[in-house]
């Protein structure tokens, strides 16, 4: 969002050098295409993911983000100079006013959204597999309405833990299904090309 206007502008992340923790230095601003607002950022190895929204926050006491969620993958091979790989706009409303995002390791991430629609709440957890940052896999699952509170997602690399006033819930994070791909190539006869199956 731009300065005091929560409805316009572009979502942005800052690259900060924290070598001297007492004096952090902003090295670069990276605008995230197709967003007005960034909601969360995470890094796993050489892959980064930014969760954003196509619109900003609503100007009312509810302060809920409008628009749809976006998932942007980054190449962070050089963490001081990340590069955008791709951005996808999801058919999932942003509809939240807090951020709950964590790295699961291995290029995978989890994000919880309140899923506010009108006066109803339909919370979900997104699991993002960005191990192939050019084509991230994204799955979602509904969760109990009172389960996720701000910053309550964590992981041990195998399980996703969520917490609320009632206790802790533990989820197994299974691999997301990819689409099988079959490639066919026609090779003309008599060109000296020999297929090597396998």
Protein backbone atom coordinates (compact mmCIF):
# COMPACT_ATOMS: atom_id res chain seq x y z
CA UNK A 1 0.00 0.00 0.00
CA UNK A 2 1.10 3.58 -0.53
CA UNK A 3 1.82 5.74 2.52
CA UNK A 4 -1.46 6.36 4.41
CA UNK A 5 -3.73 4.92 1.70
CA UNK A 6 -4.43 1.25 2.35
CA UNK A 7 -6.23 0.76 -0.98
CA UNK A 8 -3.59 1.80 -3.54
CA UNK A 9 0.05 1.20 -4.35
CA UNK A 10 2.03 -1.99 -4.74
CA UNK A 11 2.97 -4.73 -2.30
CA UNK A 12 6.65 -4.52 -1.41
CA UNK A 13 9.26 -6.34 0.61
CA UNK A 14 12.48 -4.85 1.91
CA UNK A 15 15.85 -6.59 1.74
CA UNK A 16 17.67 -5.75 4.96
CA UNK A 17 21.32 -6.39 5.83
CA UNK A 18 21.36 -7.36 9.52
CA UNK A 19 25.07 -8.13 9.73
CA UNK A 20 25.15 -5.46 12.43
CA UNK A 21 21.91 -6.20 14.28
CA UNK A 22 22.07 -2.87 16.10
CA UNK A 23 22.21 -0.99 12.77
CA UNK A 24 20.19 -2.80 10.07
CA UNK A 25 20.51 -1.35 6.57
CA UNK A 26 17.80 -1.51 3.87
CA UNK A 27 19.59 -2.62 0.70
CA UNK A 28 16.73 -2.98 -1.71
CA UNK A 29 12.98 -2.66 -2.10
CA UNK A 30 11.33 -5.35 -4.21
CA UNK A 31 7.87 -4.59 -5.61
CA UNK A 32 5.65 -7.67 -5.89
CA UNK A 33 3.64 -7.60 -9.15
CA UNK A 34 -0.14 -7.86 -9.02
CA UNK A 35 -0.33 -6.91 -5.32
CA UNK A 36 -1.32 -3.89 -3.28
CA UNK A 37 -0.30 -5.51 -0.01
CA UNK A 38 2.18 -8.15 1.15
CA UNK A 39 1.00 -10.36 4.00
CA UNK A 40 3.94 -12.68 4.65
CA UNK A 41 7.38 -13.70 3.44
CA UNK A 42 9.40 -16.85 4.08
CA UNK A 43 12.63 -18.46 2.93
CA UNK A 44 13.57 -22.13 2.60
CA UNK A 45 17.02 -22.78 1.12
CA UNK A 46 17.33 -20.81 -2.12
CA UNK A 47 13.56 -20.33 -2.49
CA UNK A 48 11.45 -17.54 -1.05
CA UNK A 49 7.67 -17.13 -1.06
CA UNK A 50 5.67 -13.94 -0.60
CA UNK A 51 1.96 -14.07 0.20
CA UNK A 52 0.18 -10.96 -1.02
CA UNK A 53 -3.23 -9.50 -1.77
CA UNK A 54 -4.55 -7.99 -5.00
CA UNK A 55 -6.21 -5.23 -2.95
CA UNK A 56 -5.49 -3.39 0.29
CA UNK A 57 -7.21 -3.17 3.66
CA UNK A 58 -10.84 -2.16 3.99
CA UNK A 59 -11.37 1.32 5.45
CA UNK A 60 -13.58 0.32 8.37
CA UNK A 61 -13.13 -0.94 11.93
CA UNK A 62 -12.87 -4.56 10.73
CA UNK A 63 -9.68 -3.71 8.81
CA UNK A 64 -9.92 -6.83 6.63
CA UNK A 65 -7.77 -7.25 3.51
CA UNK A 66 -9.79 -7.22 0.29
CA UNK A 67 -9.03 -8.92 -3.02
CA UNK A 68 -7.54 -12.35 -3.63
CA UNK A 69 -4.40 -13.98 -2.29
CA UNK A 70 -1.27 -14.07 -4.41
CA UNK A 71 1.73 -16.39 -4.18
CA UNK A 72 5.04 -15.05 -5.49
CA UNK A 73 8.14 -17.21 -5.62
CA UNK A 74 11.63 -15.77 -5.32
CA UNK A 75 15.11 -16.97 -6.20
CA UNK A 76 17.15 -16.11 -3.11
CA UNK A 77 20.41 -17.74 -4.22
CA UNK A 78 21.85 -14.31 -3.42
CA UNK A 79 19.82 -13.38 -0.31
CA UNK A 80 20.85 -9.73 -0.63
CA UNK A 81 19.48 -9.57 -4.19
CA UNK A 82 16.34 -11.76 -4.50
CA UNK A 83 14.74 -12.17 -7.92
CA UNK A 84 11.05 -12.72 -8.65
CA UNK A 85 10.42 -16.03 -10.42
CA UNK A 86 6.62 -16.04 -10.79
CA UNK A 87 3.42 -14.66 -9.27
CA UNK A 88 0.10 -16.51 -9.17
CA UNK A 89 -3.23 -14.99 -8.19
CA UNK A 90 -5.39 -17.52 -6.36
CA UNK A 91 -9.16 -17.85 -6.42
CA UNK A 92 -9.11 -17.45 -2.63
CA UNK A 93 -10.15 -14.21 -0.92
CA UNK A 94 -7.45 -12.46 1.13
CA UNK A 95 -10.04 -11.67 3.83
CA UNK A 96 -7.79 -11.54 6.86
CA UNK A 97 -6.32 -8.90 9.13
CA UNK A 98 -3.39 -10.86 10.58
CA UNK A 99 -0.52 -12.87 9.16
CA UNK A 100 0.21 -16.49 9.98
CA UNK A 101 2.98 -17.84 7.73
CA UNK A 102 5.81 -20.33 8.25
CA UNK A 103 8.43 -22.27 6.33
CA UNK A 104 7.99 -26.05 6.49
CA UNK A 105 11.45 -26.70 5.00
CA UNK A 106 12.33 -28.28 1.66
CA UNK A 107 10.81 -25.37 -0.28
CA UNK A 108 7.39 -25.81 1.40
CA UNK A 109 5.42 -23.19 3.32
CA UNK A 110 2.14 -22.88 5.25
CA UNK A 111 -0.13 -19.84 5.48
CA UNK A 112 -3.34 -19.50 7.51
CA UNK A 113 -6.14 -17.18 6.41
CA UNK A 114 -9.20 -16.22 8.42
CA UNK A 115 -11.43 -16.46 5.36
CA UNK A 116 -13.80 -13.67 6.43
CA UNK A 117 -16.77 -13.42 4.06
CA UNK A 118 -19.38 -10.92 5.20
CA UNK A 119 -20.13 -11.77 8.82
CA UNK A 120 -18.95 -15.38 8.49
CA UNK A 121 -15.50 -16.91 8.94
CA UNK A 122 -14.18 -19.86 6.90
CA UNK A 123 -10.51 -20.25 7.91
CA UNK A 124 -8.10 -22.24 5.77
CA UNK A 125 -4.47 -23.29 5.74
CA UNK A 126 -2.60 -23.06 2.43
CA UNK A 127 0.32 -25.39 1.86
CA UNK A 128 2.69 -24.13 -0.83
CA UNK A 129 5.31 -26.38 -2.38
CA UNK A 130 7.73 -24.00 -4.10
CA UNK A 131 10.53 -26.54 -4.51
CA UNK A 132 10.03 -25.84 -8.23
CA UNK A 133 9.67 -22.04 -7.96
CA UNK A 134 8.59 -21.69 -11.61
CA UNK A 135 5.53 -23.84 -10.95
CA UNK A 136 4.57 -23.87 -7.26
CA UNK A 137 1.97 -26.38 -6.10
CA UNK A 138 -0.69 -24.92 -3.81
CA UNK A 139 -3.22 -26.84 -1.73
CA UNK A 140 -5.70 -25.67 0.87
CA UNK A 141 -7.62 -27.23 3.73
CA UNK A 142 -10.36 -25.84 5.94
CA UNK A 143 -9.62 -25.71 9.66
CA UNK A 144 -11.73 -25.24 12.80
CA UNK A 145 -12.94 -21.67 13.18
CA UNK A 146 -11.27 -21.01 16.54
CA UNK A 147 -8.01 -22.79 15.84
CA UNK A 148 -5.61 -20.32 14.27
CA UNK A 149 -4.50 -17.22 16.09
CA UNK A 150 -1.79 -14.80 14.96
CA UNK A 151 1.67 -16.36 14.69
CA UNK A 152 0.52 -19.77 15.91
CA UNK A 153 1.87 -21.94 13.05
CA UNK A 154 5.10 -23.84 13.59
CA UNK A 155 6.75 -27.02 12.35
CA UNK A 156 9.37 -29.60 13.16
CA UNK A 157 9.83 -30.35 9.45
CA UNK A 158 7.36 -33.24 9.44
CA UNK A 159 4.28 -31.93 11.28
CA UNK A 160 2.44 -28.61 11.27
CA UNK A 161 1.48 -27.40 14.74
CA UNK A 162 -1.34 -24.94 15.37
CA UNK A 163 -2.30 -23.49 18.72
CA UNK A 164 -5.16 -21.62 20.33
CA UNK A 165 -6.50 -21.11 23.83
CA UNK A 166 -7.79 -24.71 23.82
CA UNK A 167 -4.44 -26.37 23.14
CA UNK A 168 -2.33 -27.64 20.25
CA UNK A 169 -3.44 -29.42 17.08
CA UNK A 170 -0.98 -31.43 15.00
CA UNK A 171 -1.31 -31.98 11.25
CA UNK A 172 0.70 -34.22 8.94
CA UNK A 173 1.77 -32.27 5.87
CA UNK A 174 1.61 -34.66 2.94
CA UNK A 175 3.25 -33.96 -0.42
CA UNK A 176 1.01 -32.03 -2.80
CA UNK A 177 0.02 -33.93 -5.92
CA UNK A 178 1.64 -32.72 -9.12
CA UNK A 179 0.34 -33.19 -12.62
CA UNK A 180 1.94 -36.07 -14.51
CA UNK A 181 3.54 -34.93 -17.73
CA UNK A 182 4.09 -36.98 -20.86
CA UNK A 183 6.26 -35.53 -23.61
CA UNK A 184 6.32 -36.74 -27.20
CA UNK A 185 8.87 -35.74 -29.77
CA UNK A 186 8.78 -36.74 -33.42
CA UNK A 187 12.20 -37.63 -34.79
CA UNK A 188 12.40 -37.88 -38.56
CA UNK A 189 13.93 -41.05 -39.99
CA UNK A 190 17.35 -40.91 -41.60
CA UNK A 191 18.63 -37.85 -39.71
CA UNK A 192 21.31 -39.65 -37.72
CA UNK A 193 19.41 -39.16 -34.45
CA UNK A 194 19.13 -42.27 -32.33
CA UNK A 195 16.62 -42.43 -29.48
CA UNK A 196 18.09 -43.41 -26.13
CA UNK A 197 15.13 -44.67 -24.03
CA UNK A 198 15.26 -44.35 -20.27
